[in-house]
Amino acid sequence: MDRGTIQNTLKMLNLLRKNDKLKISELAELLNVKDRQVRRYRDELLKVGYDIPSKAGKDGGYTINEINLNDNEWTLLKDLLKKHPEIYSKIDQRFNMF
């Protein structure tokens, strides 16, 4: 990976951390690259362990999930939060985790 790719991959990571959701086209414009390159950056971030879900459609885009839990831990957290719907709905809306 060349220096420009590394820099843009890190910029993309920072952009995702600062925004709830960004479309591929928005990221491409901000990074001054084509959509295809944004997908490559995402692939690189996925390889090193970042969770960057993609949502299709009009309101779609990339988000970043920085909480790294295994499946059992996610289930426990979800079950716990469901006992407190006021918190659960806020977290789910903000982070699109569940």
N, C-alpha and C. Protein backbone atom coordinates (compact mmCIF):
# COMPACT_ATOMS: atom_id res chain seq x y z
N MET A 1 0.85 -1.17 0.00
CA MET A 1 0.00 0.00 0.00
C MET A 1 0.90 1.23 0.00
N ASP A 2 0.62 2.16 -0.91
CA ASP A 2 1.45 3.36 -0.99
C ASP A 2 1.04 4.40 0.04
N ARG A 3 1.86 5.41 0.17
CA ARG A 3 1.65 6.43 1.19
C ARG A 3 0.31 7.15 1.05
N GLY A 4 -0.08 7.50 -0.19
CA GLY A 4 -1.35 8.19 -0.42
C GLY A 4 -2.54 7.34 -0.01
N THR A 5 -2.47 6.05 -0.30
CA THR A 5 -3.54 5.13 0.08
C THR A 5 -3.66 5.04 1.60
N ILE A 6 -2.53 4.95 2.26
CA ILE A 6 -2.53 4.89 3.73
C ILE A 6 -3.12 6.18 4.31
N GLN A 7 -2.70 7.32 3.78
CA GLN A 7 -3.21 8.60 4.27
C GLN A 7 -4.72 8.70 4.07
N ASN A 8 -5.20 8.33 2.88
CA ASN A 8 -6.63 8.43 2.62
C ASN A 8 -7.43 7.43 3.44
N THR A 9 -6.87 6.26 3.67
CA THR A 9 -7.56 5.27 4.49
C THR A 9 -7.73 5.81 5.91
N LEU A 10 -6.69 6.42 6.44
CA LEU A 10 -6.76 7.01 7.78
C LEU A 10 -7.71 8.22 7.81
N LYS A 11 -7.71 9.02 6.74
CA LYS A 11 -8.66 10.14 6.66
C LYS A 11 -10.09 9.62 6.66
N MET A 12 -10.32 8.54 5.90
CA MET A 12 -11.66 7.96 5.85
C MET A 12 -12.08 7.48 7.24
N LEU A 13 -11.17 6.84 7.94
CA LEU A 13 -11.46 6.38 9.29
C LEU A 13 -11.85 7.55 10.18
N ASN A 14 -11.12 8.64 10.11
CA ASN A 14 -11.44 9.84 10.91
C ASN A 14 -12.77 10.44 10.51
N LEU A 15 -13.07 10.49 9.22
CA LEU A 15 -14.35 11.02 8.76
C LEU A 15 -15.51 10.18 9.29
N LEU A 16 -15.35 8.87 9.27
CA LEU A 16 -16.40 7.99 9.77
C LEU A 16 -16.58 8.15 11.28
N ARG A 17 -15.51 8.39 11.99
CA ARG A 17 -15.61 8.60 13.43
C ARG A 17 -16.33 9.91 13.76
N LYS A 18 -16.20 10.90 12.91
CA LYS A 18 -16.80 12.22 13.17
C LYS A 18 -18.24 12.34 12.69
N ASN A 19 -18.69 11.40 11.86
CA ASN A 19 -20.02 11.48 11.26
C ASN A 19 -20.81 10.22 11.57
N ASP A 20 -22.11 10.36 11.74
CA ASP A 20 -22.95 9.19 11.99
C ASP A 20 -22.92 8.22 10.82
N LYS A 21 -23.02 8.78 9.62
CA LYS A 21 -23.07 7.95 8.42
C LYS A 21 -22.63 8.79 7.24
N LEU A 22 -21.87 8.19 6.34
CA LEU A 22 -21.46 8.89 5.13
C LEU A 22 -21.68 7.97 3.93
N LYS A 23 -22.22 8.52 2.87
CA LYS A 23 -22.39 7.77 1.64
C LYS A 23 -21.02 7.59 0.97
N ILE A 24 -20.91 6.55 0.17
CA ILE A 24 -19.67 6.31 -0.56
C ILE A 24 -19.33 7.53 -1.42
N SER A 25 -20.34 8.09 -2.08
CA SER A 25 -20.10 9.26 -2.94
C SER A 25 -19.60 10.46 -2.13
N GLU A 26 -20.10 10.63 -0.91
CA GLU A 26 -19.64 11.72 -0.04
C GLU A 26 -18.18 11.51 0.35
N LEU A 27 -17.87 10.28 0.73
CA LEU A 27 -16.48 9.97 1.09
C LEU A 27 -15.56 10.17 -0.11
N ALA A 28 -16.00 9.73 -1.27
CA ALA A 28 -15.18 9.87 -2.48
C ALA A 28 -14.90 11.35 -2.75
N GLU A 29 -15.91 12.18 -2.61
CA GLU A 29 -15.72 13.61 -2.84
C GLU A 29 -14.77 14.22 -1.81
N LEU A 30 -14.96 13.86 -0.54
CA LEU A 30 -14.11 14.40 0.52
C LEU A 30 -12.65 13.95 0.37
N LEU A 31 -12.46 12.75 -0.15
CA LEU A 31 -11.12 12.19 -0.30
C LEU A 31 -10.54 12.43 -1.70
N ASN A 32 -11.38 13.00 -2.58
CA ASN A 32 -10.96 13.28 -3.95
C ASN A 32 -10.52 12.01 -4.70
N VAL A 33 -11.34 10.97 -4.56
CA VAL A 33 -11.10 9.69 -5.25
C VAL A 33 -12.43 9.20 -5.84
N LYS A 34 -12.36 8.12 -6.58
CA LYS A 34 -13.58 7.50 -7.12
C LYS A 34 -14.22 6.59 -6.08
N ASP A 35 -15.50 6.31 -6.27
CA ASP A 35 -16.25 5.44 -5.34
C ASP A 35 -15.56 4.11 -5.13
N ARG A 36 -15.03 3.54 -6.21
CA ARG A 36 -14.37 2.24 -6.13
C ARG A 36 -13.21 2.26 -5.12
N GLN A 37 -12.47 3.39 -5.10
CA GLN A 37 -11.34 3.48 -4.17
C GLN A 37 -11.82 3.54 -2.72
N VAL A 38 -12.94 4.19 -2.47
CA VAL A 38 -13.51 4.22 -1.12
C VAL A 38 -13.81 2.80 -0.66
N ARG A 39 -14.35 1.98 -1.56
CA ARG A 39 -14.63 0.58 -1.21
C ARG A 39 -13.34 -0.16 -0.88
N ARG A 40 -12.28 0.14 -1.58
CA ARG A 40 -10.98 -0.49 -1.28
C ARG A 40 -10.47 -0.06 0.09
N TYR A 41 -10.61 1.23 0.40
CA TYR A 41 -10.20 1.69 1.73
C TYR A 41 -10.98 0.96 2.82
N ARG A 42 -12.27 0.81 2.59
CA ARG A 42 -13.10 0.09 3.56
C ARG A 42 -12.59 -1.34 3.72
N ASP A 43 -12.30 -2.00 2.61
CA ASP A 43 -11.78 -3.37 2.66
C ASP A 43 -10.50 -3.45 3.50
N GLU A 44 -9.63 -2.46 3.35
CA GLU A 44 -8.39 -2.45 4.13
C GLU A 44 -8.69 -2.28 5.61
N LEU A 45 -9.64 -1.41 5.94
CA LEU A 45 -10.00 -1.22 7.34
C LEU A 45 -10.65 -2.46 7.92
N LEU A 46 -11.46 -3.15 7.12
CA LEU A 46 -12.07 -4.40 7.58
C LEU A 46 -10.99 -5.45 7.88
N LYS A 47 -9.97 -5.51 7.05
CA LYS A 47 -8.89 -6.49 7.22
C LYS A 47 -8.16 -6.33 8.55
N VAL A 48 -8.06 -5.09 9.02
CA VAL A 48 -7.33 -4.85 10.27
C VAL A 48 -8.26 -4.77 11.48
N GLY A 49 -9.54 -5.14 11.28
CA GLY A 49 -10.41 -5.31 12.42
C GLY A 49 -11.47 -4.26 12.67
N TYR A 50 -11.54 -3.22 11.84
CA TYR A 50 -12.59 -2.23 12.04
C TYR A 50 -13.92 -2.77 11.53
N ASP A 51 -14.97 -2.48 12.25
CA ASP A 51 -16.32 -2.90 11.87
C ASP A 51 -16.98 -1.71 11.20
N ILE A 52 -17.13 -1.79 9.87
CA ILE A 52 -17.69 -0.69 9.09
C ILE A 52 -18.86 -1.24 8.29
N PRO A 53 -20.04 -1.30 8.93
CA PRO A 53 -21.20 -1.81 8.21
C PRO A 53 -21.62 -0.87 7.09
N SER A 54 -22.22 -1.47 6.09
CA SER A 54 -22.71 -0.73 4.94
C SER A 54 -24.22 -0.91 4.86
N LYS A 55 -24.93 0.20 4.75
CA LYS A 55 -26.38 0.15 4.61
C LYS A 55 -26.73 0.66 3.22
N ALA A 56 -27.49 -0.14 2.48
CA ALA A 56 -27.88 0.24 1.12
C ALA A 56 -29.10 1.14 1.13
N GLY A 57 -29.35 1.77 0.01
CA GLY A 57 -30.57 2.56 -0.14
C GLY A 57 -30.35 4.05 -0.03
N LYS A 58 -31.45 4.76 -0.13
CA LYS A 58 -31.44 6.22 -0.12
C LYS A 58 -30.78 6.79 1.13
N ASP A 59 -31.05 6.19 2.27
CA ASP A 59 -30.48 6.65 3.54
C ASP A 59 -29.26 5.83 3.94
N GLY A 60 -28.69 5.14 2.99
CA GLY A 60 -27.58 4.25 3.28
C GLY A 60 -26.25 4.96 3.40
N GLY A 61 -25.24 4.17 3.61
CA GLY A 61 -23.88 4.69 3.72
C GLY A 61 -23.06 3.81 4.64
N TYR A 62 -21.86 4.27 4.92
CA TYR A 62 -20.96 3.57 5.83
C TYR A 62 -21.05 4.21 7.22
N THR A 63 -20.97 3.38 8.21
CA THR A 63 -20.85 3.83 9.59
C THR A 63 -19.66 3.09 10.18
N ILE A 64 -19.29 3.46 11.38
CA ILE A 64 -18.21 2.73 12.05
C ILE A 64 -18.71 2.31 13.42
N ASN A 65 -18.42 1.08 13.73
CA ASN A 65 -18.78 0.52 15.02
C ASN A 65 -17.48 0.20 15.74
N GLU A 66 -17.15 0.99 16.73
CA GLU A 66 -15.86 0.82 17.38
C GLU A 66 -15.92 -0.02 18.65
N ILE A 67 -17.07 -0.58 18.92
CA ILE A 67 -17.16 -1.47 20.07
C ILE A 67 -16.91 -2.89 19.58
N ASN A 68 -15.81 -3.47 19.98
CA ASN A 68 -15.44 -4.81 19.51
C ASN A 68 -15.80 -5.85 20.55
N LEU A 69 -16.97 -6.44 20.39
CA LEU A 69 -17.44 -7.49 21.29
C LEU A 69 -17.67 -8.76 20.49
N ASN A 70 -17.52 -9.90 21.15
CA ASN A 70 -17.84 -11.15 20.46
C ASN A 70 -19.36 -11.33 20.45
N ASP A 71 -19.84 -12.35 19.75
CA ASP A 71 -21.29 -12.55 19.59
C ASP A 71 -22.00 -12.71 20.93
N ASN A 72 -21.40 -13.44 21.86
CA ASN A 72 -22.03 -13.62 23.17
C ASN A 72 -22.12 -12.30 23.94
N GLU A 73 -21.08 -11.50 23.85
CA GLU A 73 -21.09 -10.21 24.54
C GLU A 73 -22.13 -9.27 23.93
N TRP A 74 -22.27 -9.28 22.60
CA TRP A 74 -23.29 -8.46 21.94
C TRP A 74 -24.68 -8.88 22.40
N THR A 75 -24.90 -10.19 22.48
CA THR A 75 -26.21 -10.71 22.90
C THR A 75 -26.53 -10.27 24.32
N LEU A 76 -25.55 -10.41 25.20
CA LEU A 76 -25.76 -9.99 26.59
C LEU A 76 -26.05 -8.49 26.68
N LEU A 77 -25.29 -7.70 25.94
CA LEU A 77 -25.50 -6.25 25.96
C LEU A 77 -26.88 -5.90 25.41
N LYS A 78 -27.26 -6.51 24.33
CA LYS A 78 -28.57 -6.24 23.73
C LYS A 78 -29.69 -6.62 24.69
N ASP A 79 -29.59 -7.80 25.32
CA ASP A 79 -30.61 -8.23 26.27
C ASP A 79 -30.71 -7.27 27.45
N LEU A 80 -29.58 -6.83 27.94
CA LEU A 80 -29.55 -5.89 29.05
C LEU A 80 -30.19 -4.56 28.66
N LEU A 81 -29.83 -4.06 27.49
CA LEU A 81 -30.37 -2.78 27.06
C LEU A 81 -31.86 -2.84 26.76
N LYS A 82 -32.35 -3.97 26.32
CA LYS A 82 -33.78 -4.11 26.04
C LYS A 82 -34.61 -3.98 27.32
N LYS A 83 -34.00 -4.23 28.46
CA LYS A 83 -34.69 -4.06 29.73
C LYS A 83 -34.84 -2.58 30.07
N HIS A 84 -34.12 -1.74 29.34
CA HIS A 84 -34.18 -0.29 29.53
C HIS A 84 -34.43 0.36 28.17
N PRO A 85 -35.69 0.31 27.70
CA PRO A 85 -36.00 0.77 26.34
C PRO A 85 -35.61 2.21 26.05
N GLU A 86 -35.65 3.08 27.04
CA GLU A 86 -35.29 4.47 26.81
C GLU A 86 -33.82 4.61 26.41
N ILE A 87 -32.98 3.77 26.97
CA ILE A 87 -31.56 3.78 26.61
C ILE A 87 -31.34 3.02 25.31
N TYR A 88 -31.99 1.88 25.19
CA TYR A 88 -31.84 1.03 24.01
C TYR A 88 -32.14 1.79 22.73
N SER A 89 -33.27 2.52 22.71
CA SER A 89 -33.67 3.21 21.48
C SER A 89 -32.67 4.32 21.12
N LYS A 90 -32.15 5.01 22.11
CA LYS A 90 -31.17 6.07 21.85
C LYS A 90 -29.88 5.50 21.29
N ILE A 91 -29.41 4.42 21.87
CA ILE A 91 -28.18 3.79 21.41
C ILE A 91 -28.35 3.21 20.02
N ASP A 92 -29.46 2.53 19.78
CA ASP A 92 -29.69 1.92 18.48
C ASP A 92 -29.80 2.98 17.40
N GLN A 93 -30.47 4.09 17.68
CA GLN A 93 -30.61 5.16 16.69
C GLN A 93 -29.25 5.83 16.42
N ARG A 94 -28.48 6.04 17.46
CA ARG A 94 -27.20 6.75 17.32
C ARG A 94 -26.15 5.91 16.63
N PHE A 95 -26.06 4.64 17.01
CA PHE A 95 -24.97 3.81 16.52
C PHE A 95 -25.40 2.73 15.54
N ASN A 96 -26.71 2.54 15.37
CA ASN A 96 -27.23 1.53 14.46
C ASN A 96 -26.56 0.18 14.75
N MET A 97 -26.55 -0.19 16.04
CA MET A 97 -25.80 -1.37 16.49
C MET A 97 -26.59 -2.65 16.42
N PHE A 98 -27.90 -2.57 16.58
CA PHE A 98 -28.65 -3.81 16.71
C PHE A 98 -29.56 -3.97 15.53
